[in-house]
Structures are given as C-alpha cells and as structure tokens.
Amino acid sequence: MIKCLDKLVVIGVGLIGGSFALALRQAGQVSHITGIGRSRQNLQCAIELGIIDDYTNDFPKALSGADFVLLATPVGQNARILQQIAPHLEKHTIVSDVGSTKQNVINTAREHLGNHLPFFIPAHPIAGTEFSGAGAADPALFKNKPVILTPLPENHAAAIDQVAFLWQQCGAVVSSMTPAQHDQVLAAISHLPHLLAFALMNHISMVSGDQAMANLQLAGTSLIDMTRIAGSSPEMWRDICLDNRDALIDKITVYQHLLTNLQDLLCQSNHTALEQFFTQARDTRHQWQATRKPIVK
C-alpha cells in the first residue's frame, strides 16, 4: 500500500539526497527526515536549510522506525554502506539508491542484503548539476526529469510502487528498464559526455600550459556549455566510470573511431563530407530538442 513516510533516512545529504528530501517535504509526503553522512559540517548545513530534522552516524538509531532509506552516496561506497545497514533494517523498510550505474549495486545488494532483497529497489534519477553538498539541494531538481527504476525479479510489487510514487511526488517522470540496458544507455548519454568534458579541460590545460587561465578568459559560451559538467565531483565520477568500465570502454572505442574519421576528413579537406557530418549532428540535436518536454520550475 502506497503511503506517506513517517521516517525517511537519507545516507548522503548532498545534491540528490538533499533535493529528494526537500521535494518530499514540500509535497507533504514525509514527517521526519534523518541524515547520515561523512561531513558533520554538511549535515549541520542540511539542518539549517530544513532538509533534515536530525542526523547521526549511529546506524541502529537512524534505521529504527525507518520506512524508507535512500542511498545517495558515490557508487564506490555502496558495498560498505549496504553491509553496515543490513543488520539494522526493519522487516518492511524499503531501500533504494540513486546511482548512475545499476548492475554493480545490484550484485552488491544480493551479496549483503539477503532476505531483505525484495525491498531493495534500484533507481536512478537523471538530474543534477555540477554542484554538490547540501547547499546545492533544490526541491525542483527532479521536475519533469526522468527517473529509471531497474527492479529485480525478487522485488515486492508494493515496494516498487512506493518508490515510483515517491519519485512522482518529486515531479519526476518514472520509467523502467533492465539493469544491463540502463548501464549501456547511460554509458552513451551520460558517462561518456562527462569523461569528454573532463578530457577537454585537461587538453586545454596541457596544450596551453601556463597560458591556460589567460586563454580561457577568451572563451565564449560554446566552451562553457561543453565543459559545465567538468565541474562535477571527481570522486563520484571516478566511481561511476570504474563501475561501468566495460560499457564505457566500448563507447570510447567507437568515439575514437569517429574522431579518427573526422581527422581524415580534415586532412583531405573534404568539404562535402564535413558538412554532411555536421548536418547529421545538427539535425539529430534539433529533433531531440523538439521532442524534449520543457522543464517547469
């Protein structure tokens, strides 16, 4: 049965975890929110911003009476946290994550959650900014944004419905796919773009050397737009890239072939092929933009 939450526990009160908490509070879907995290300063900030009601790193205390636990930490921490919370979960406490990779967290959940696996519902909100920490939390972050669930055969239908309902209350558009499909798709549309943004900033720094900062003062919105996500958390993206390594390596290989082809066209001064290359990209982007739903604040 779908219900409002008496107690939500957010492990990792940053951009995503904090925004989830704020959105549910604003929607009147939660009575009490407890935060868990590594930084006391960040947790105190979350208290002051009204994101959480209290915080503790005492797992038995935090999980007592919890209806829902949101795991919103870098994916590299999943194994440690799932192992720590497993002994203290109450019978019907739902656990969900927000990780950008799904197959590894599911394997980890199978290893550590045991009989509680039916209540572990993997999820991924495709929303965010380059900012982090409780101060970046925004209750409107998920408005009209996709949230992908990758439910397991063992999951209770009611638990899946509860997770979908909560994300919908945050304004998100919820859909489902298999974990393998998710990791392949996200490697192409999220993980590779982040990798390329980091690489482009490092390329500019390497080529320009001591002149890099001076040269960047001349940059326009094209570079700003292309590299915005290079301001994202290095720890988080290190873990995501390693977690989805195989799929990402495949995408990099294809992209390298595309760059080599583009280099050949330039070397050949192939006006026609270059224009066709750019036209195809432009038309694909225009079609994508025309079918995107506007973001409502």
C-alpha atoms as a PDB file:
ATOM      1  CA  MET A   1       0.000   0.000   0.000  1.00  0.00           C
ATOM      2  CA  ILE A   2       1.366   3.407  -1.017  1.00  0.00           C
ATOM      3  CA  LYS A   3       1.677   5.772   1.923  1.00  0.00           C
ATOM      4  CA  CYS A   4       3.326   8.923   3.166  1.00  0.00           C
ATOM      5  CA  LEU A   5       6.572   8.307   5.012  1.00  0.00           C
ATOM      6  CA  ASP A   6       6.753   8.593   8.760  1.00  0.00           C
ATOM      7  CA  LYS A   7      10.546   8.417   8.644  1.00  0.00           C
ATOM      8  CA  LEU A   8      12.963   8.848   5.754  1.00  0.00           C
ATOM      9  CA  VAL A   9      16.673   8.188   6.186  1.00  0.00           C
ATOM     10  CA  VAL A  10      18.978   9.835   3.636  1.00  0.00           C
ATOM     11  CA  ILE A  11      22.506   8.467   3.502  1.00  0.00           C
ATOM     12  CA  GLY A  12      24.459  11.177   1.706  1.00  0.00           C
ATOM     13  CA  VAL A  13      22.688  14.520   2.119  1.00  0.00           C
ATOM     14  CA  GLY A  14      24.067  16.194  -0.987  1.00  0.00           C
ATOM     15  CA  LEU A  15      22.600  17.459  -4.236  1.00  0.00           C
ATOM     16  CA  ILE A  16      20.466  14.386  -5.000  1.00  0.00           C
ATOM     17  CA  GLY A  17      19.718  13.137  -1.487  1.00  0.00           C
ATOM     18  CA  GLY A  18      19.018  16.639  -0.217  1.00  0.00           C
ATOM     19  CA  SER A  19      16.802  17.521  -3.178  1.00  0.00           C
ATOM     20  CA  PHE A  20      14.816  14.293  -2.737  1.00  0.00           C
ATOM     21  CA  ALA A  21      14.260  15.112   0.929  1.00  0.00           C
ATOM     22  CA  LEU A  22      13.246  18.716   0.218  1.00  0.00           C
ATOM     23  CA  ALA A  23      10.898  17.718  -2.606  1.00  0.00           C
ATOM     24  CA  LEU A  24       9.107  15.137  -0.460  1.00  0.00           C
ATOM     25  CA  ARG A  25       8.876  17.559   2.445  1.00  0.00           C
ATOM     26  CA  GLN A  26       7.425  20.220   0.136  1.00  0.00           C
ATOM     27  CA  ALA A  27       4.921  17.659  -1.223  1.00  0.00           C
ATOM     28  CA  GLY A  28       3.843  16.730   2.301  1.00  0.00           C
ATOM     29  CA  GLN A  29       4.956  13.125   1.870  1.00  0.00           C
ATOM     30  CA  VAL A  30       7.282  12.746   4.863  1.00  0.00           C
ATOM     31  CA  SER A  31       7.026  13.522   8.566  1.00  0.00           C
ATOM     32  CA  HIS A  32      10.633  13.112   9.735  1.00  0.00           C
ATOM     33  CA  ILE A  33      13.960  13.005   7.889  1.00  0.00           C
ATOM     34  CA  THR A  34      17.220  11.744   9.362  1.00  0.00           C
ATOM     35  CA  GLY A  35      20.525  12.353   7.624  1.00  0.00           C
ATOM     36  CA  ILE A  36      23.689  10.243   7.639  1.00  0.00           C
ATOM     37  CA  GLY A  37      26.973  11.407   6.138  1.00  0.00           C
ATOM     38  CA  ARG A  38      30.714  11.837   6.422  1.00  0.00           C
ATOM     39  CA  SER A  39      30.791  15.594   6.992  1.00  0.00           C
ATOM     40  CA  ARG A  40      29.335  16.990  10.200  1.00  0.00           C
ATOM     41  CA  GLN A  41      29.571  20.471   8.668  1.00  0.00           C
ATOM     42  CA  ASN A  42      27.464  19.414   5.666  1.00  0.00           C
ATOM     43  CA  LEU A  43      24.890  17.706   7.899  1.00  0.00           C
ATOM     44  CA  GLN A  44      24.637  20.800  10.086  1.00  0.00           C
ATOM     45  CA  CYS A  45      24.112  22.849   6.935  1.00  0.00           C
ATOM     46  CA  ALA A  46      21.300  20.451   5.973  1.00  0.00           C
ATOM     47  CA  ILE A  47      19.669  21.034   9.359  1.00  0.00           C
ATOM     48  CA  GLU A  48      19.864  24.821   8.910  1.00  0.00           C
ATOM     49  CA  LEU A  49      18.385  24.603   5.414  1.00  0.00           C
ATOM     50  CA  GLY A  50      15.468  22.493   6.644  1.00  0.00           C
ATOM     51  CA  ILE A  51      16.474  19.491   4.573  1.00  0.00           C
ATOM     52  CA  ILE A  52      16.700  17.093   7.516  1.00  0.00           C
ATOM     53  CA  ASP A  53      15.362  17.103  11.055  1.00  0.00           C
ATOM     54  CA  ASP A  54      18.345  15.422  12.691  1.00  0.00           C
ATOM     55  CA  TYR A  55      21.478  13.473  11.860  1.00  0.00           C
ATOM     56  CA  THR A  56      23.543  10.641  13.260  1.00  0.00           C
ATOM     57  CA  ASN A  57      26.123   8.112  12.116  1.00  0.00           C
ATOM     58  CA  ASP A  58      24.673   5.529  14.503  1.00  0.00           C
ATOM     59  CA  PHE A  59      23.029   3.131  12.033  1.00  0.00           C
ATOM     60  CA  PRO A  60      20.845   1.238  14.561  1.00  0.00           C
ATOM     61  CA  LYS A  61      19.473   4.545  15.854  1.00  0.00           C
ATOM     62  CA  ALA A  62      18.982   6.044  12.399  1.00  0.00           C
ATOM     63  CA  LEU A  63      17.246   2.999  10.936  1.00  0.00           C
ATOM     64  CA  SER A  64      14.912   2.403  13.874  1.00  0.00           C
ATOM     65  CA  GLY A  65      11.385   3.009  12.608  1.00  0.00           C
ATOM     66  CA  ALA A  66      12.546   3.934   9.093  1.00  0.00           C
ATOM     67  CA  ASP A  67      10.024   3.444   6.286  1.00  0.00           C
ATOM     68  CA  PHE A  68      12.484   4.313   3.536  1.00  0.00           C
ATOM     69  CA  VAL A  69      16.264   4.531   3.196  1.00  0.00           C
ATOM     70  CA  LEU A  70      17.767   6.459   0.294  1.00  0.00           C
ATOM     71  CA  LEU A  71      21.353   5.591  -0.542  1.00  0.00           C
ATOM     72  CA  ALA A  72      22.705   8.779  -2.176  1.00  0.00           C
ATOM     73  CA  THR A  73      26.473   8.387  -1.907  1.00  0.00           C
ATOM     74  CA  PRO A  74      29.152   7.797  -4.576  1.00  0.00           C
ATOM     75  CA  VAL A  75      28.677   4.311  -6.041  1.00  0.00           C
ATOM     76  CA  GLY A  76      32.077   3.205  -4.760  1.00  0.00           C
ATOM     77  CA  GLN A  77      30.690   3.368  -1.207  1.00  0.00           C
ATOM     78  CA  ASN A  78      27.696   1.112  -1.859  1.00  0.00           C
ATOM     79  CA  ALA A  79      29.238  -2.140  -0.657  1.00  0.00           C
ATOM     80  CA  ARG A  80      30.419  -0.707   2.646  1.00  0.00           C
ATOM     81  CA  ILE A  81      27.126   1.027   3.379  1.00  0.00           C
ATOM     82  CA  LEU A  82      24.866  -1.874   2.419  1.00  0.00           C
ATOM     83  CA  GLN A  83      26.954  -4.150   4.618  1.00  0.00           C
ATOM     84  CA  GLN A  84      26.634  -1.699   7.524  1.00  0.00           C
ATOM     85  CA  ILE A  85      22.894  -1.138   7.271  1.00  0.00           C
ATOM     86  CA  ALA A  86      21.825  -4.727   6.523  1.00  0.00           C
ATOM     87  CA  PRO A  87      21.716  -5.960  10.168  1.00  0.00           C
ATOM     88  CA  HIS A  88      19.628  -2.988  11.296  1.00  0.00           C
ATOM     89  CA  LEU A  89      16.908  -2.814   8.637  1.00  0.00           C
ATOM     90  CA  GLU A  90      13.395  -3.398   9.877  1.00  0.00           C
ATOM     91  CA  LYS A  91      11.279  -6.011   8.140  1.00  0.00           C
ATOM     92  CA  HIS A  92       9.468  -3.758   5.657  1.00  0.00           C
ATOM     93  CA  THR A  93      11.942  -0.879   5.317  1.00  0.00           C
ATOM     94  CA  ILE A  94      12.384  -0.035   1.641  1.00  0.00           C
ATOM     95  CA  VAL A  95      15.931   0.695   0.481  1.00  0.00           C
ATOM     96  CA  SER A  96      16.674   2.440  -2.802  1.00  0.00           C
ATOM     97  CA  ASP A  97      19.717   4.058  -4.378  1.00  0.00           C
ATOM     98  CA  VAL A  98      20.283   6.864  -6.874  1.00  0.00           C
ATOM     99  CA  GLY A  99      23.442   5.578  -8.533  1.00  0.00           C
ATOM    100  CA  SER A 100      24.310   6.208 -12.161  1.00  0.00           C
ATOM    101  CA  THR A 101      25.250   2.523 -12.580  1.00  0.00           C
ATOM    102  CA  LYS A 102      22.968  -0.345 -11.693  1.00  0.00           C
ATOM    103  CA  GLN A 103      24.487  -3.783 -12.270  1.00  0.00           C
ATOM    104  CA  ASN A 104      27.209  -3.490  -9.624  1.00  0.00           C
ATOM    105  CA  VAL A 105      24.943  -2.101  -6.908  1.00  0.00           C
ATOM    106  CA  ILE A 106      22.514  -4.953  -7.554  1.00  0.00           C
ATOM    107  CA  ASN A 107      25.317  -7.503  -7.242  1.00  0.00           C
ATOM    108  CA  THR A 108      26.362  -5.826  -4.001  1.00  0.00           C
ATOM    109  CA  ALA A 109      22.796  -5.847  -2.679  1.00  0.00           C
ATOM    110  CA  ARG A 110      22.479  -9.553  -3.461  1.00  0.00           C
ATOM    111  CA  GLU A 111      25.670 -10.145  -1.502  1.00  0.00           C
ATOM    112  CA  HIS A 112      24.772  -8.135   1.598  1.00  0.00           C
ATOM    113  CA  LEU A 113      21.002  -7.749   1.940  1.00  0.00           C
ATOM    114  CA  GLY A 114      19.988 -11.417   1.968  1.00  0.00           C
ATOM    115  CA  ASN A 115      16.297 -11.810   2.842  1.00  0.00           C
ATOM    116  CA  HIS A 116      15.814  -8.036   2.579  1.00  0.00           C
ATOM    117  CA  LEU A 117      16.488  -8.035  -1.192  1.00  0.00           C
ATOM    118  CA  PRO A 118      12.739  -7.908  -2.076  1.00  0.00           C
ATOM    119  CA  PHE A 119      12.701  -4.417  -0.519  1.00  0.00           C
ATOM    120  CA  PHE A 120      15.766  -3.098  -2.383  1.00  0.00           C
ATOM    121  CA  ILE A 121      14.562  -1.135  -5.434  1.00  0.00           C
ATOM    122  CA  PRO A 122      17.388   0.198  -7.643  1.00  0.00           C
ATOM    123  CA  ALA A 123      16.700   3.632  -9.125  1.00  0.00           C
ATOM    124  CA  HIS A 124      18.485   6.389 -10.995  1.00  0.00           C
ATOM    125  CA  PRO A 125      17.238   9.993 -11.217  1.00  0.00           C
ATOM    126  CA  ILE A 126      18.741  11.562 -14.323  1.00  0.00           C
ATOM    127  CA  ALA A 127      19.048  15.034 -12.912  1.00  0.00           C
ATOM    128  CA  GLY A 128      21.775  17.079 -11.363  1.00  0.00           C
ATOM    129  CA  THR A 129      24.129  19.982 -11.644  1.00  0.00           C
ATOM    130  CA  GLU A 130      27.883  20.391 -11.367  1.00  0.00           C
ATOM    131  CA  PHE A 131      27.428  21.432  -7.727  1.00  0.00           C
ATOM    132  CA  SER A 132      27.468  19.212  -4.660  1.00  0.00           C
ATOM    133  CA  GLY A 133      26.677  19.232  -0.963  1.00  0.00           C
ATOM    134  CA  ALA A 134      23.546  20.097   0.993  1.00  0.00           C
ATOM    135  CA  GLY A 135      23.792  23.725  -0.104  1.00  0.00           C
ATOM    136  CA  ALA A 136      23.130  22.652  -3.698  1.00  0.00           C
ATOM    137  CA  ALA A 137      19.852  20.873  -2.865  1.00  0.00           C
ATOM    138  CA  ASP A 138      16.813  22.076  -4.805  1.00  0.00           C
ATOM    139  CA  PRO A 139      13.258  20.740  -4.359  1.00  0.00           C
ATOM    140  CA  ALA A 140      12.552  21.444  -8.047  1.00  0.00           C
ATOM    141  CA  LEU A 141      15.582  19.466  -9.265  1.00  0.00           C
ATOM    142  CA  PHE A 142      13.528  16.485 -10.453  1.00  0.00           C
ATOM    143  CA  LYS A 143      10.652  18.378 -12.120  1.00  0.00           C
ATOM    144  CA  ASN A 144       9.925  16.611 -15.441  1.00  0.00           C
ATOM    145  CA  LYS A 145      13.242  14.758 -15.189  1.00  0.00           C
ATOM    146  CA  PRO A 146      13.498  11.018 -15.919  1.00  0.00           C
ATOM    147  CA  VAL A 147      13.895   8.531 -13.091  1.00  0.00           C
ATOM    148  CA  ILE A 148      14.706   4.994 -14.183  1.00  0.00           C
ATOM    149  CA  LEU A 149      13.824   2.032 -11.990  1.00  0.00           C
ATOM    150  CA  THR A 150      15.598  -1.267 -12.618  1.00  0.00           C
ATOM    151  CA  PRO A 151      13.526  -3.598 -10.428  1.00  0.00           C
ATOM    152  CA  LEU A 152      14.610  -7.132  -9.605  1.00  0.00           C
ATOM    153  CA  PRO A 153      12.580 -10.318 -10.071  1.00  0.00           C
ATOM    154  CA  GLU A 154      12.615 -10.706  -6.287  1.00  0.00           C
ATOM    155  CA  ASN A 155      11.147  -7.256  -5.597  1.00  0.00           C
ATOM    156  CA  HIS A 156       7.748  -6.913  -3.946  1.00  0.00           C
ATOM    157  CA  ALA A 157       5.361  -5.094  -6.287  1.00  0.00           C
ATOM    158  CA  ALA A 158       4.205  -2.833  -3.458  1.00  0.00           C
ATOM    159  CA  ALA A 159       7.786  -1.718  -2.792  1.00  0.00           C
ATOM    160  CA  ILE A 160       8.294  -0.861  -6.463  1.00  0.00           C
ATOM    161  CA  ASP A 161       5.041   1.095  -6.477  1.00  0.00           C
ATOM    162  CA  GLN A 162       6.082   3.003  -3.345  1.00  0.00           C
ATOM    163  CA  VAL A 163       9.418   4.049  -4.864  1.00  0.00           C
ATOM    164  CA  ALA A 164       7.740   5.101  -8.129  1.00  0.00           C
ATOM    165  CA  PHE A 165       5.127   7.094  -6.179  1.00  0.00           C
ATOM    166  CA  LEU A 166       7.740   8.984  -4.151  1.00  0.00           C
ATOM    167  CA  TRP A 167       9.679   9.991  -7.251  1.00  0.00           C
ATOM    168  CA  GLN A 168       6.460  11.089  -8.934  1.00  0.00           C
ATOM    169  CA  GLN A 169       5.738  13.244  -5.886  1.00  0.00           C
ATOM    170  CA  CYS A 170       9.121  14.878  -6.557  1.00  0.00           C
ATOM    171  CA  GLY A 171       7.853  15.776 -10.032  1.00  0.00           C
ATOM    172  CA  ALA A 172       9.835  13.110 -11.883  1.00  0.00           C
ATOM    173  CA  VAL A 173       8.778  11.006 -14.871  1.00  0.00           C
ATOM    174  CA  VAL A 174       9.304   7.371 -13.874  1.00  0.00           C
ATOM    175  CA  SER A 175      10.112   4.505 -16.243  1.00  0.00           C
ATOM    176  CA  SER A 176      11.721   1.069 -16.003  1.00  0.00           C
ATOM    177  CA  MET A 177      14.356  -0.950 -17.840  1.00  0.00           C
ATOM    178  CA  THR A 178      16.728  -3.805 -17.131  1.00  0.00           C
ATOM    179  CA  PRO A 179      19.980  -3.069 -15.288  1.00  0.00           C
ATOM    180  CA  ALA A 180      22.047  -4.096 -18.321  1.00  0.00           C
ATOM    181  CA  GLN A 181      20.052  -1.806 -20.635  1.00  0.00           C
ATOM    182  CA  HIS A 182      20.421   1.027 -18.165  1.00  0.00           C
ATOM    183  CA  ASP A 183      24.201   0.759 -17.943  1.00  0.00           C
ATOM    184  CA  GLN A 184      24.609   0.623 -21.729  1.00  0.00           C
ATOM    185  CA  VAL A 185      22.335   3.605 -22.339  1.00  0.00           C
ATOM    186  CA  LEU A 186      23.847   5.734 -19.575  1.00  0.00           C
ATOM    187  CA  ALA A 187      27.373   4.966 -20.762  1.00  0.00           C
ATOM    188  CA  ALA A 188      26.465   6.688 -24.036  1.00  0.00           C
ATOM    189  CA  ILE A 189      24.326   9.614 -22.877  1.00  0.00           C
ATOM    190  CA  SER A 190      25.897  10.480 -19.514  1.00  0.00           C
ATOM    191  CA  HIS A 191      29.145   8.748 -18.623  1.00  0.00           C
ATOM    192  CA  LEU A 192      30.927   9.367 -21.935  1.00  0.00           C
ATOM    193  CA  PRO A 193      29.923  13.072 -22.040  1.00  0.00           C
ATOM    194  CA  HIS A 194      31.343  13.580 -18.545  1.00  0.00           C
ATOM    195  CA  LEU A 195      34.548  11.809 -19.497  1.00  0.00           C
ATOM    196  CA  LEU A 196      34.866  14.001 -22.600  1.00  0.00           C
ATOM    197  CA  ALA A 197      34.260  17.195 -20.623  1.00  0.00           C
ATOM    198  CA  PHE A 198      36.995  16.288 -18.134  1.00  0.00           C
ATOM    199  CA  ALA A 199      39.327  15.359 -21.020  1.00  0.00           C
ATOM    200  CA  LEU A 200      38.659  18.617 -22.880  1.00  0.00           C
ATOM    201  CA  MET A 201      39.516  20.753 -19.858  1.00  0.00           C
ATOM    202  CA  ASN A 202      42.714  18.778 -19.310  1.00  0.00           C
ATOM    203  CA  HIS A 203      43.541  19.081 -23.023  1.00  0.00           C
ATOM    204  CA  ILE A 204      43.266  22.879 -22.848  1.00  0.00           C
ATOM    205  CA  SER A 205      45.427  22.937 -19.736  1.00  0.00           C
ATOM    206  CA  MET A 206      48.090  20.666 -21.270  1.00  0.00           C
ATOM    207  CA  VAL A 207      48.270  22.490 -24.591  1.00  0.00           C
ATOM    208  CA  SER A 208      48.224  25.992 -23.105  1.00  0.00           C
ATOM    209  CA  GLY A 209      50.374  25.324 -20.034  1.00  0.00           C
ATOM    210  CA  ASP A 210      50.936  28.478 -18.004  1.00  0.00           C
ATOM    211  CA  GLN A 211      48.788  30.374 -20.511  1.00  0.00           C
ATOM    212  CA  ALA A 212      45.719  28.202 -19.841  1.00  0.00           C
ATOM    213  CA  MET A 213      43.946  30.609 -17.487  1.00  0.00           C
ATOM    214  CA  ALA A 214      44.684  33.602 -19.705  1.00  0.00           C
ATOM    215  CA  ASN A 215      43.433  31.751 -22.789  1.00  0.00           C
ATOM    216  CA  LEU A 216      40.273  30.626 -21.011  1.00  0.00           C
ATOM    217  CA  GLN A 217      39.363  34.257 -20.365  1.00  0.00           C
ATOM    218  CA  LEU A 218      38.774  34.489 -24.114  1.00  0.00           C
ATOM    219  CA  ALA A 219      36.409  31.511 -24.196  1.00  0.00           C
ATOM    220  CA  GLY A 220      32.761  32.000 -25.101  1.00  0.00           C
ATOM    221  CA  THR A 221      29.597  30.150 -24.243  1.00  0.00           C
ATOM    222  CA  SER A 222      30.461  27.201 -26.503  1.00  0.00           C
ATOM    223  CA  LEU A 223      33.274  26.080 -24.205  1.00  0.00           C
ATOM    224  CA  ILE A 224      31.261  26.952 -21.102  1.00  0.00           C
ATOM    225  CA  ASP A 225      28.355  24.811 -22.323  1.00  0.00           C
ATOM    226  CA  MET A 226      30.586  21.899 -23.345  1.00  0.00           C
ATOM    227  CA  THR A 227      32.566  21.777 -20.108  1.00  0.00           C
ATOM    228  CA  ARG A 228      29.986  22.682 -17.448  1.00  0.00           C
ATOM    229  CA  ILE A 229      29.897  19.095 -16.191  1.00  0.00           C
ATOM    230  CA  ALA A 230      33.682  19.061 -15.763  1.00  0.00           C
ATOM    231  CA  GLY A 231      32.928  20.926 -12.544  1.00  0.00           C
ATOM    232  CA  SER A 232      31.307  17.764 -11.138  1.00  0.00           C
ATOM    233  CA  SER A 233      32.622  15.696  -8.239  1.00  0.00           C
ATOM    234  CA  PRO A 234      35.834  13.842  -9.235  1.00  0.00           C
ATOM    235  CA  GLU A 235      35.202  11.180  -6.581  1.00  0.00           C
ATOM    236  CA  MET A 236      31.704  10.484  -7.821  1.00  0.00           C
ATOM    237  CA  TRP A 237      32.716  10.275 -11.470  1.00  0.00           C
ATOM    238  CA  ARG A 238      35.780   8.169 -10.746  1.00  0.00           C
ATOM    239  CA  ASP A 239      33.493   5.602  -9.127  1.00  0.00           C
ATOM    240  CA  ILE A 240      30.862   5.756 -11.877  1.00  0.00           C
ATOM    241  CA  CYS A 241      33.403   5.292 -14.665  1.00  0.00           C
ATOM    242  CA  LEU A 242      35.063   2.351 -12.948  1.00  0.00           C
ATOM    243  CA  ASP A 243      31.706   0.808 -12.059  1.00  0.00           C
ATOM    244  CA  ASN A 244      30.550   0.928 -15.693  1.00  0.00           C
ATOM    245  CA  ARG A 245      34.016   0.374 -17.132  1.00  0.00           C
ATOM    246  CA  ASP A 246      33.219  -2.254 -19.777  1.00  0.00           C
ATOM    247  CA  ALA A 247      30.318  -0.372 -21.347  1.00  0.00           C
ATOM    248  CA  LEU A 248      32.253   2.898 -21.216  1.00  0.00           C
ATOM    249  CA  ILE A 249      35.330   1.386 -22.868  1.00  0.00           C
ATOM    250  CA  ASP A 250      33.096   0.242 -25.733  1.00  0.00           C
ATOM    251  CA  LYS A 251      31.692   3.766 -26.157  1.00  0.00           C
ATOM    252  CA  ILE A 252      35.175   5.325 -26.051  1.00  0.00           C
ATOM    253  CA  THR A 253      36.359   2.924 -28.756  1.00  0.00           C
ATOM    254  CA  VAL A 254      33.503   3.918 -31.060  1.00  0.00           C
ATOM    255  CA  TYR A 255      34.069   7.608 -30.306  1.00  0.00           C
ATOM    256  CA  GLN A 256      37.788   7.290 -31.078  1.00  0.00           C
ATOM    257  CA  HIS A 257      36.925   5.821 -34.482  1.00  0.00           C
ATOM    258  CA  LEU A 258      34.604   8.774 -35.087  1.00  0.00           C
ATOM    259  CA  LEU A 259      37.359  11.263 -34.186  1.00  0.00           C
ATOM    260  CA  THR A 260      39.799   9.455 -36.479  1.00  0.00           C
ATOM    261  CA  ASN A 261      37.281   9.669 -39.305  1.00  0.00           C
ATOM    262  CA  LEU A 262      36.809  13.382 -38.627  1.00  0.00           C
ATOM    263  CA  GLN A 263      40.578  13.881 -38.624  1.00  0.00           C
ATOM    264  CA  ASP A 264      40.795  12.142 -42.013  1.00  0.00           C
ATOM    265  CA  LEU A 265      38.104  14.417 -43.452  1.00  0.00           C
ATOM    266  CA  LEU A 266      40.042  17.469 -42.295  1.00  0.00           C
ATOM    267  CA  CYS A 267      43.296  16.137 -43.721  1.00  0.00           C
ATOM    268  CA  GLN A 268      41.546  15.557 -47.035  1.00  0.00           C
ATOM    269  CA  SER A 269      39.830  18.979 -46.928  1.00  0.00           C
ATOM    270  CA  ASN A 270      36.649  17.066 -47.699  1.00  0.00           C
ATOM    271  CA  HIS A 271      34.128  19.919 -47.701  1.00  0.00           C
ATOM    272  CA  THR A 272      31.129  17.782 -48.625  1.00  0.00           C
ATOM    273  CA  ALA A 273      31.681  15.030 -46.073  1.00  0.00           C
ATOM    274  CA  LEU A 274      32.409  17.523 -43.294  1.00  0.00           C
ATOM    275  CA  GLU A 275      29.186  19.402 -43.995  1.00  0.00           C
ATOM    276  CA  GLN A 276      27.237  16.129 -44.053  1.00  0.00           C
ATOM    277  CA  PHE A 277      28.833  15.136 -40.732  1.00  0.00           C
ATOM    278  CA  PHE A 278      27.845  18.445 -39.122  1.00  0.00           C
ATOM    279  CA  THR A 279      24.366  18.403 -40.697  1.00  0.00           C
ATOM    280  CA  GLN A 280      23.598  14.946 -39.338  1.00  0.00           C
ATOM    281  CA  ALA A 281      24.635  16.028 -35.837  1.00  0.00           C
ATOM    282  CA  ARG A 282      22.637  19.275 -36.044  1.00  0.00           C
ATOM    283  CA  ASP A 283      19.504  17.511 -37.308  1.00  0.00           C
ATOM    284  CA  THR A 284      19.706  14.877 -34.559  1.00  0.00           C
ATOM    285  CA  ARG A 285      20.020  17.556 -31.909  1.00  0.00           C
ATOM    286  CA  HIS A 286      17.148  19.613 -33.340  1.00  0.00           C
ATOM    287  CA  GLN A 287      14.935  16.528 -33.384  1.00  0.00           C
ATOM    288  CA  TRP A 288      15.892  15.723 -29.786  1.00  0.00           C
ATOM    289  CA  GLN A 289      15.216  19.296 -28.635  1.00  0.00           C
ATOM    290  CA  ALA A 290      11.851  19.346 -30.415  1.00  0.00           C
ATOM    291  CA  THR A 291      10.694  16.219 -28.574  1.00  0.00           C
ATOM    292  CA  ARG A 292      12.013  17.159 -25.123  1.00  0.00           C
ATOM    293  CA  LYS A 293       9.472  18.202 -22.543  1.00  0.00           C
ATOM    294  CA  PRO A 294      10.100  21.693 -21.173  1.00  0.00           C
ATOM    295  CA  ILE A 295      11.371  21.858 -17.604  1.00  0.00           C
ATOM    296  CA  VAL A 296       8.806  23.517 -15.353  1.00  0.00           C
ATOM    297  CA  LYS A 297      10.207  25.260 -12.290  1.00  0.00           C
END
